[in-house]
Amino acid sequence: MSRILYSQSNAFGQITKTSINSIITAKLNFSRLVPVLNAMVVIPGDYSGIEAQLGIVAGQGQAFYNTIVGMQTAINAVVGLDTLDIGN
């Protein structure tokens, strides 16, 4: 897929650049975070390791895990993200 170039010479272009770069950074961070969270769930359905490591209130570990995995899934589903990471 070819690159989609956009101008960064105005405020809108700068906001676009910042937003895209934030999503790209989040995508990278989630690709590192999710495997670590998966390793913390030693027994399927037991999220107490996540709760202990991250100081999450007991019983909220699964909701936290599901939210993080859901965000990763959503970011990974962004079509064409790799074509927008360059501006001029």
PDB file of N, CA and C in Angstrom:
ATOM      1  N   MET A   1       0.848  -1.172   0.000  1.00  0.00           N
ATOM      2  CA  MET A   1       0.000   0.000   0.000  1.00  0.00           C
ATOM      3  C   MET A   1       0.893   1.234   0.000  1.00  0.00           C
ATOM      4  N   SER A   2       0.542   2.224  -0.806  1.00  0.00           N
ATOM      5  CA  SER A   2       1.369   3.418  -0.895  1.00  0.00           C
ATOM      6  C   SER A   2       1.100   4.354   0.279  1.00  0.00           C
ATOM      7  N   ARG A   3       2.065   5.203   0.537  1.00  0.00           N
ATOM      8  CA  ARG A   3       1.949   6.171   1.626  1.00  0.00           C
ATOM      9  C   ARG A   3       0.930   7.242   1.288  1.00  0.00           C
ATOM     10  N   ILE A   4       0.253   7.737   2.303  1.00  0.00           N
ATOM     11  CA  ILE A   4      -0.656   8.861   2.156  1.00  0.00           C
ATOM     12  C   ILE A   4       0.021  10.043   2.834  1.00  0.00           C
ATOM     13  N   LEU A   5       0.434  11.006   2.048  1.00  0.00           N
ATOM     14  CA  LEU A   5       1.150  12.163   2.573  1.00  0.00           C
ATOM     15  C   LEU A   5       0.164  13.251   2.980  1.00  0.00           C
ATOM     16  N   TYR A   6       0.496  13.956   4.025  1.00  0.00           N
ATOM     17  CA  TYR A   6      -0.318  15.076   4.481  1.00  0.00           C
ATOM     18  C   TYR A   6       0.618  16.156   4.987  1.00  0.00           C
ATOM     19  N   SER A   7       0.147  17.376   4.949  1.00  0.00           N
ATOM     20  CA  SER A   7       0.971  18.509   5.360  1.00  0.00           C
ATOM     21  C   SER A   7       0.929  18.679   6.873  1.00  0.00           C
ATOM     22  N   GLN A   8       2.076  18.992   7.448  1.00  0.00           N
ATOM     23  CA  GLN A   8       2.167  19.291   8.874  1.00  0.00           C
ATOM     24  C   GLN A   8       2.422  20.783   9.080  1.00  0.00           C
ATOM     25  N   SER A   9       2.182  21.573   8.053  1.00  0.00           N
ATOM     26  CA  SER A   9       2.530  22.993   8.104  1.00  0.00           C
ATOM     27  C   SER A   9       1.489  23.846   8.831  1.00  0.00           C
ATOM     28  N   ASN A  10       0.383  23.239   9.241  1.00  0.00           N
ATOM     29  CA  ASN A  10      -0.622  24.001   9.989  1.00  0.00           C
ATOM     30  C   ASN A  10      -1.018  23.226  11.243  1.00  0.00           C
ATOM     31  N   ALA A  11      -1.841  23.848  12.059  1.00  0.00           N
ATOM     32  CA  ALA A  11      -2.235  23.229  13.339  1.00  0.00           C
ATOM     33  C   ALA A  11      -2.942  21.897  13.128  1.00  0.00           C
ATOM     34  N   PHE A  12      -3.801  21.821  12.116  1.00  0.00           N
ATOM     35  CA  PHE A  12      -4.524  20.572  11.862  1.00  0.00           C
ATOM     36  C   PHE A  12      -3.554  19.455  11.500  1.00  0.00           C
ATOM     37  N   GLY A  13      -2.564  19.746  10.680  1.00  0.00           N
ATOM     38  CA  GLY A  13      -1.559  18.749  10.316  1.00  0.00           C
ATOM     39  C   GLY A  13      -0.747  18.294  11.515  1.00  0.00           C
ATOM     40  N   GLN A  14      -0.436  19.219  12.415  1.00  0.00           N
ATOM     41  CA  GLN A  14       0.316  18.867  13.621  1.00  0.00           C
ATOM     42  C   GLN A  14      -0.515  17.986  14.553  1.00  0.00           C
ATOM     43  N   ILE A  15      -1.800  18.318  14.680  1.00  0.00           N
ATOM     44  CA  ILE A  15      -2.685  17.491  15.515  1.00  0.00           C
ATOM     45  C   ILE A  15      -2.819  16.100  14.905  1.00  0.00           C
ATOM     46  N   THR A  16      -2.929  16.046  13.576  1.00  0.00           N
ATOM     47  CA  THR A  16      -3.016  14.761  12.885  1.00  0.00           C
ATOM     48  C   THR A  16      -1.766  13.935  13.157  1.00  0.00           C
ATOM     49  N   LYS A  17      -0.597  14.549  12.997  1.00  0.00           N
ATOM     50  CA  LYS A  17       0.675  13.860  13.231  1.00  0.00           C
ATOM     51  C   LYS A  17       0.747  13.334  14.663  1.00  0.00           C
ATOM     52  N   THR A  18       0.418  14.178  15.627  1.00  0.00           N
ATOM     53  CA  THR A  18       0.475  13.781  17.034  1.00  0.00           C
ATOM     54  C   THR A  18      -0.473  12.619  17.320  1.00  0.00           C
ATOM     55  N   SER A  19      -1.682  12.698  16.779  1.00  0.00           N
ATOM     56  CA  SER A  19      -2.669  11.637  16.997  1.00  0.00           C
ATOM     57  C   SER A  19      -2.211  10.311  16.404  1.00  0.00           C
ATOM     58  N   ILE A  20      -1.725  10.352  15.175  1.00  0.00           N
ATOM     59  CA  ILE A  20      -1.259   9.127  14.518  1.00  0.00           C
ATOM     60  C   ILE A  20      -0.076   8.529  15.261  1.00  0.00           C
ATOM     61  N   ASN A  21       0.879   9.390  15.644  1.00  0.00           N
ATOM     62  CA  ASN A  21       2.048   8.891  16.369  1.00  0.00           C
ATOM     63  C   ASN A  21       1.655   8.288  17.714  1.00  0.00           C
ATOM     64  N   SER A  22       0.649   8.861  18.373  1.00  0.00           N
ATOM     65  CA  SER A  22       0.176   8.310  19.648  1.00  0.00           C
ATOM     66  C   SER A  22      -0.420   6.919  19.449  1.00  0.00           C
ATOM     67  N   ILE A  23      -1.178   6.740  18.379  1.00  0.00           N
ATOM     68  CA  ILE A  23      -1.774   5.431  18.102  1.00  0.00           C
ATOM     69  C   ILE A  23      -0.697   4.409  17.768  1.00  0.00           C
ATOM     70  N   ILE A  24       0.299   4.814  16.983  1.00  0.00           N
ATOM     71  CA  ILE A  24       1.396   3.907  16.641  1.00  0.00           C
ATOM     72  C   ILE A  24       2.161   3.509  17.899  1.00  0.00           C
ATOM     73  N   THR A  25       2.409   4.473  18.791  1.00  0.00           N
ATOM     74  CA  THR A  25       3.101   4.176  20.051  1.00  0.00           C
ATOM     75  C   THR A  25       2.258   3.243  20.916  1.00  0.00           C
ATOM     76  N   ALA A  26       0.950   3.499  20.976  1.00  0.00           N
ATOM     77  CA  ALA A  26       0.062   2.625  21.754  1.00  0.00           C
ATOM     78  C   ALA A  26       0.079   1.205  21.199  1.00  0.00           C
ATOM     79  N   LYS A  27       0.070   1.080  19.876  1.00  0.00           N
ATOM     80  CA  LYS A  27       0.098  -0.245  19.250  1.00  0.00           C
ATOM     81  C   LYS A  27       1.362  -1.008  19.678  1.00  0.00           C
ATOM     82  N   LEU A  28       2.481  -0.333  19.679  1.00  0.00           N
ATOM     83  CA  LEU A  28       3.739  -0.950  20.109  1.00  0.00           C
ATOM     84  C   LEU A  28       3.674  -1.321  21.588  1.00  0.00           C
ATOM     85  N   ASN A  29       3.178  -0.403  22.409  1.00  0.00           N
ATOM     86  CA  ASN A  29       3.109  -0.677  23.847  1.00  0.00           C
ATOM     87  C   ASN A  29       2.185  -1.847  24.174  1.00  0.00           C
ATOM     88  N   PHE A  30       1.020  -1.916  23.505  1.00  0.00           N
ATOM     89  CA  PHE A  30       0.108  -3.030  23.742  1.00  0.00           C
ATOM     90  C   PHE A  30       0.728  -4.348  23.300  1.00  0.00           C
ATOM     91  N   SER A  31       1.521  -4.327  22.243  1.00  0.00           N
ATOM     92  CA  SER A  31       2.156  -5.573  21.789  1.00  0.00           C
ATOM     93  C   SER A  31       3.155  -6.089  22.820  1.00  0.00           C
ATOM     94  N   ARG A  32       3.634  -5.221  23.679  1.00  0.00           N
ATOM     95  CA  ARG A  32       4.527  -5.634  24.773  1.00  0.00           C
ATOM     96  C   ARG A  32       3.760  -5.965  26.042  1.00  0.00           C
ATOM     97  N   LEU A  33       2.707  -5.191  26.298  1.00  0.00           N
ATOM     98  CA  LEU A  33       1.956  -5.334  27.538  1.00  0.00           C
ATOM     99  C   LEU A  33       1.115  -6.603  27.593  1.00  0.00           C
ATOM    100  N   VAL A  34       0.405  -6.919  26.531  1.00  0.00           N
ATOM    101  CA  VAL A  34      -0.521  -8.054  26.551  1.00  0.00           C
ATOM    102  C   VAL A  34       0.188  -9.378  26.846  1.00  0.00           C
ATOM    103  N   PRO A  35       1.345  -9.671  26.238  1.00  0.00           N
ATOM    104  CA  PRO A  35       2.018 -10.920  26.604  1.00  0.00           C
ATOM    105  C   PRO A  35       2.414 -10.978  28.085  1.00  0.00           C
ATOM    106  N   VAL A  36       2.763  -9.831  28.654  1.00  0.00           N
ATOM    107  CA  VAL A  36       3.103  -9.802  30.086  1.00  0.00           C
ATOM    108  C   VAL A  36       1.852 -10.083  30.920  1.00  0.00           C
ATOM    109  N   LEU A  37       0.742  -9.456  30.547  1.00  0.00           N
ATOM    110  CA  LEU A  37      -0.506  -9.727  31.269  1.00  0.00           C
ATOM    111  C   LEU A  37      -0.894 -11.199  31.137  1.00  0.00           C
ATOM    112  N   ASN A  38      -0.737 -11.750  29.935  1.00  0.00           N
ATOM    113  CA  ASN A  38      -1.048 -13.178  29.740  1.00  0.00           C
ATOM    114  C   ASN A  38      -0.200 -14.049  30.654  1.00  0.00           C
ATOM    115  N   ALA A  39       1.053 -13.684  30.851  1.00  0.00           N
ATOM    116  CA  ALA A  39       1.944 -14.459  31.722  1.00  0.00           C
ATOM    117  C   ALA A  39       1.524 -14.357  33.182  1.00  0.00           C
ATOM    118  N   MET A  40       0.858 -13.266  33.546  1.00  0.00           N
ATOM    119  CA  MET A  40       0.406 -13.090  34.931  1.00  0.00           C
ATOM    120  C   MET A  40      -0.828 -13.937  35.246  1.00  0.00           C
ATOM    121  N   VAL A  41      -1.522 -14.379  34.221  1.00  0.00           N
ATOM    122  CA  VAL A  41      -2.701 -15.232  34.431  1.00  0.00           C
ATOM    123  C   VAL A  41      -2.209 -16.681  34.377  1.00  0.00           C
ATOM    124  N   VAL A  42      -1.669 -17.136  35.510  1.00  0.00           N
ATOM    125  CA  VAL A  42      -1.067 -18.467  35.592  1.00  0.00           C
ATOM    126  C   VAL A  42      -2.131 -19.555  35.505  1.00  0.00           C
ATOM    127  N   ILE A  43      -3.225 -19.357  36.207  1.00  0.00           N
ATOM    128  CA  ILE A  43      -4.350 -20.287  36.187  1.00  0.00           C
ATOM    129  C   ILE A  43      -5.461 -19.607  35.386  1.00  0.00           C
ATOM    130  N   PRO A  44      -5.960 -20.251  34.332  1.00  0.00           N
ATOM    131  CA  PRO A  44      -7.023 -19.623  33.540  1.00  0.00           C
ATOM    132  C   PRO A  44      -8.175 -19.126  34.415  1.00  0.00           C
ATOM    133  N   GLY A  45      -8.553 -17.872  34.219  1.00  0.00           N
ATOM    134  CA  GLY A  45      -9.644 -17.282  34.994  1.00  0.00           C
ATOM    135  C   GLY A  45      -9.208 -16.642  36.293  1.00  0.00           C
ATOM    136  N   ASP A  46      -7.932 -16.773  36.662  1.00  0.00           N
ATOM    137  CA  ASP A  46      -7.420 -16.191  37.908  1.00  0.00           C
ATOM    138  C   ASP A  46      -6.599 -14.949  37.563  1.00  0.00           C
ATOM    139  N   TYR A  47      -7.162 -13.793  37.821  1.00  0.00           N
ATOM    140  CA  TYR A  47      -6.512 -12.524  37.481  1.00  0.00           C
ATOM    141  C   TYR A  47      -5.877 -11.858  38.693  1.00  0.00           C
ATOM    142  N   SER A  48      -5.714 -12.618  39.777  1.00  0.00           N
ATOM    143  CA  SER A  48      -5.158 -12.053  41.005  1.00  0.00           C
ATOM    144  C   SER A  48      -3.702 -11.617  40.819  1.00  0.00           C
ATOM    145  N   GLY A  49      -2.970 -12.267  39.927  1.00  0.00           N
ATOM    146  CA  GLY A  49      -1.595 -11.850  39.657  1.00  0.00           C
ATOM    147  C   GLY A  49      -1.535 -10.459  39.060  1.00  0.00           C
ATOM    148  N   ILE A  50      -2.450 -10.167  38.152  1.00  0.00           N
ATOM    149  CA  ILE A  50      -2.536  -8.830  37.568  1.00  0.00           C
ATOM    150  C   ILE A  50      -2.924  -7.829  38.645  1.00  0.00           C
ATOM    151  N   GLU A  51      -3.882  -8.199  39.465  1.00  0.00           N
ATOM    152  CA  GLU A  51      -4.321  -7.298  40.535  1.00  0.00           C
ATOM    153  C   GLU A  51      -3.174  -6.991  41.492  1.00  0.00           C
ATOM    154  N   ALA A  52      -2.411  -8.013  41.851  1.00  0.00           N
ATOM    155  CA  ALA A  52      -1.305  -7.814  42.787  1.00  0.00           C
ATOM    156  C   ALA A  52      -0.195  -6.958  42.173  1.00  0.00           C
ATOM    157  N   GLN A  53       0.184  -7.250  40.949  1.00  0.00           N
ATOM    158  CA  GLN A  53       1.285  -6.525  40.310  1.00  0.00           C
ATOM    159  C   GLN A  53       0.941  -5.075  40.016  1.00  0.00           C
ATOM    160  N   LEU A  54      -0.305  -4.803  39.689  1.00  0.00           N
ATOM    161  CA  LEU A  54      -0.678  -3.455  39.266  1.00  0.00           C
ATOM    162  C   LEU A  54      -1.489  -2.689  40.306  1.00  0.00           C
ATOM    163  N   GLY A  55      -1.683  -3.292  41.487  1.00  0.00           N
ATOM    164  CA  GLY A  55      -2.413  -2.600  42.548  1.00  0.00           C
ATOM    165  C   GLY A  55      -3.874  -2.385  42.228  1.00  0.00           C
ATOM    166  N   ILE A  56      -4.456  -3.321  41.496  1.00  0.00           N
ATOM    167  CA  ILE A  56      -5.867  -3.235  41.125  1.00  0.00           C
ATOM    168  C   ILE A  56      -6.697  -3.867  42.233  1.00  0.00           C
ATOM    169  N   VAL A  57      -7.833  -3.268  42.507  1.00  0.00           N
ATOM    170  CA  VAL A  57      -8.731  -3.780  43.540  1.00  0.00           C
ATOM    171  C   VAL A  57      -9.117  -5.225  43.205  1.00  0.00           C
ATOM    172  N   ALA A  58      -9.100  -6.079  44.228  1.00  0.00           N
ATOM    173  CA  ALA A  58      -9.455  -7.487  44.038  1.00  0.00           C
ATOM    174  C   ALA A  58     -10.803  -7.605  43.338  1.00  0.00           C
ATOM    175  N   GLY A  59     -10.850  -8.465  42.336  1.00  0.00           N
ATOM    176  CA  GLY A  59     -12.071  -8.692  41.595  1.00  0.00           C
ATOM    177  C   GLY A  59     -12.185  -7.855  40.323  1.00  0.00           C
ATOM    178  N   GLN A  60     -11.254  -6.901  40.132  1.00  0.00           N
ATOM    179  CA  GLN A  60     -11.299  -6.058  38.951  1.00  0.00           C
ATOM    180  C   GLN A  60     -10.235  -6.420  37.907  1.00  0.00           C
ATOM    181  N   GLY A  61      -9.442  -7.421  38.191  1.00  0.00           N
ATOM    182  CA  GLY A  61      -8.366  -7.817  37.283  1.00  0.00           C
ATOM    183  C   GLY A  61      -8.855  -8.275  35.924  1.00  0.00           C
ATOM    184  N   GLN A  62      -9.936  -9.041  35.899  1.00  0.00           N
ATOM    185  CA  GLN A  62     -10.446  -9.535  34.619  1.00  0.00           C
ATOM    186  C   GLN A  62     -10.970  -8.381  33.768  1.00  0.00           C
ATOM    187  N   ALA A  63     -11.676  -7.435  34.381  1.00  0.00           N
ATOM    188  CA  ALA A  63     -12.180  -6.279  33.629  1.00  0.00           C
ATOM    189  C   ALA A  63     -11.019  -5.471  33.074  1.00  0.00           C
ATOM    190  N   PHE A  64      -9.966  -5.295  33.866  1.00  0.00           N
ATOM    191  CA  PHE A  64      -8.777  -4.577  33.401  1.00  0.00           C
ATOM    192  C   PHE A  64      -8.153  -5.313  32.216  1.00  0.00           C
ATOM    193  N   TYR A  65      -7.954  -6.602  32.378  1.00  0.00           N
ATOM    194  CA  TYR A  65      -7.364  -7.430  31.323  1.00  0.00           C
ATOM    195  C   TYR A  65      -8.194  -7.342  30.041  1.00  0.00           C
ATOM    196  N   ASN A  66      -9.504  -7.525  30.162  1.00  0.00           N
ATOM    197  CA  ASN A  66     -10.374  -7.494  28.991  1.00  0.00           C
ATOM    198  C   ASN A  66     -10.338  -6.130  28.294  1.00  0.00           C
ATOM    199  N   THR A  67     -10.258  -5.066  29.075  1.00  0.00           N
ATOM    200  CA  THR A  67     -10.186  -3.720  28.499  1.00  0.00           C
ATOM    201  C   THR A  67      -8.894  -3.527  27.729  1.00  0.00           C
ATOM    202  N   ILE A  68      -7.786  -3.943  28.301  1.00  0.00           N
ATOM    203  CA  ILE A  68      -6.488  -3.804  27.625  1.00  0.00           C
ATOM    204  C   ILE A  68      -6.465  -4.621  26.342  1.00  0.00           C
ATOM    205  N   VAL A  69      -6.902  -5.861  26.402  1.00  0.00           N
ATOM    206  CA  VAL A  69      -6.917  -6.713  25.213  1.00  0.00           C
ATOM    207  C   VAL A  69      -7.881  -6.147  24.164  1.00  0.00           C
ATOM    208  N   GLY A  70      -9.000  -5.608  24.602  1.00  0.00           N
ATOM    209  CA  GLY A  70      -9.956  -4.997  23.686  1.00  0.00           C
ATOM    210  C   GLY A  70      -9.372  -3.777  22.985  1.00  0.00           C
ATOM    211  N   MET A  71      -8.625  -2.955  23.728  1.00  0.00           N
ATOM    212  CA  MET A  71      -7.982  -1.799  23.113  1.00  0.00           C
ATOM    213  C   MET A  71      -6.934  -2.236  22.095  1.00  0.00           C
ATOM    214  N   GLN A  72      -6.168  -3.264  22.438  1.00  0.00           N
ATOM    215  CA  GLN A  72      -5.171  -3.769  21.491  1.00  0.00           C
ATOM    216  C   GLN A  72      -5.856  -4.270  20.221  1.00  0.00           C
ATOM    217  N   THR A  73      -6.941  -5.004  20.382  1.00  0.00           N
ATOM    218  CA  THR A  73      -7.676  -5.522  19.231  1.00  0.00           C
ATOM    219  C   THR A  73      -8.177  -4.380  18.348  1.00  0.00           C
ATOM    220  N   ALA A  74      -8.701  -3.329  18.969  1.00  0.00           N
ATOM    221  CA  ALA A  74      -9.221  -2.190  18.214  1.00  0.00           C
ATOM    222  C   ALA A  74      -8.105  -1.481  17.449  1.00  0.00           C
ATOM    223  N   ILE A  75      -6.984  -1.266  18.096  1.00  0.00           N
ATOM    224  CA  ILE A  75      -5.869  -0.586  17.422  1.00  0.00           C
ATOM    225  C   ILE A  75      -5.326  -1.451  16.290  1.00  0.00           C
ATOM    226  N   ASN A  76      -5.224  -2.745  16.522  1.00  0.00           N
ATOM    227  CA  ASN A  76      -4.724  -3.634  15.469  1.00  0.00           C
ATOM    228  C   ASN A  76      -5.658  -3.702  14.274  1.00  0.00           C
ATOM    229  N   ALA A  77      -6.924  -3.342  14.482  1.00  0.00           N
ATOM    230  CA  ALA A  77      -7.902  -3.399  13.400  1.00  0.00           C
ATOM    231  C   ALA A  77      -7.910  -2.133  12.532  1.00  0.00           C
ATOM    232  N   VAL A  78      -7.123  -1.121  12.918  1.00  0.00           N
ATOM    233  CA  VAL A  78      -7.090   0.122  12.138  1.00  0.00           C
ATOM    234  C   VAL A  78      -6.424  -0.175  10.799  1.00  0.00           C
ATOM    235  N   VAL A  79      -7.206  -0.058   9.742  1.00  0.00           N
ATOM    236  CA  VAL A  79      -6.716  -0.341   8.393  1.00  0.00           C
ATOM    237  C   VAL A  79      -5.944   0.875   7.884  1.00  0.00           C
ATOM    238  N   GLY A  80      -4.769   0.624   7.341  1.00  0.00           N
ATOM    239  CA  GLY A  80      -3.995   1.688   6.718  1.00  0.00           C
ATOM    240  C   GLY A  80      -3.165   2.534   7.654  1.00  0.00           C
ATOM    241  N   LEU A  81      -3.096   2.176   8.924  1.00  0.00           N
ATOM    242  CA  LEU A  81      -2.313   2.963   9.870  1.00  0.00           C
ATOM    243  C   LEU A  81      -0.868   3.129   9.406  1.00  0.00           C
ATOM    244  N   ASP A  82      -0.311   2.069   8.865  1.00  0.00           N
ATOM    245  CA  ASP A  82       1.081   2.120   8.421  1.00  0.00           C
ATOM    246  C   ASP A  82       1.289   3.050   7.226  1.00  0.00           C
ATOM    247  N   THR A  83       0.225   3.446   6.559  1.00  0.00           N
ATOM    248  CA  THR A  83       0.370   4.382   5.433  1.00  0.00           C
ATOM    249  C   THR A  83       0.315   5.832   5.879  1.00  0.00           C
ATOM    250  N   LEU A  84      -0.102   6.077   7.113  1.00  0.00           N
ATOM    251  CA  LEU A  84      -0.268   7.441   7.599  1.00  0.00           C
ATOM    252  C   LEU A  84       0.828   7.903   8.539  1.00  0.00           C
ATOM    253  N   ASP A  85       1.842   7.090   8.759  1.00  0.00           N
ATOM    254  CA  ASP A  85       2.827   7.461   9.759  1.00  0.00           C
ATOM    255  C   ASP A  85       3.927   8.341   9.203  1.00  0.00           C
ATOM    256  N   ILE A  86       3.682   8.943   8.045  1.00  0.00           N
ATOM    257  CA  ILE A  86       4.670   9.861   7.481  1.00  0.00           C
ATOM    258  C   ILE A  86       3.944  11.107   6.994  1.00  0.00           C
ATOM    259  N   GLY A  87       4.445  12.225   7.372  1.00  0.00           N
ATOM    260  CA  GLY A  87       3.888  13.488   6.905  1.00  0.00           C
ATOM    261  C   GLY A  87       4.997  14.280   6.219  1.00  0.00           C
ATOM    262  N   ASN A  88       4.630  15.350   5.609  1.00  0.00           N
ATOM    263  CA  ASN A  88       5.666  16.186   4.978  1.00  0.00           C
ATOM    264  C   ASN A  88       5.451  17.635   5.336  1.00  0.00           C
TER     265      ASN A  88
END
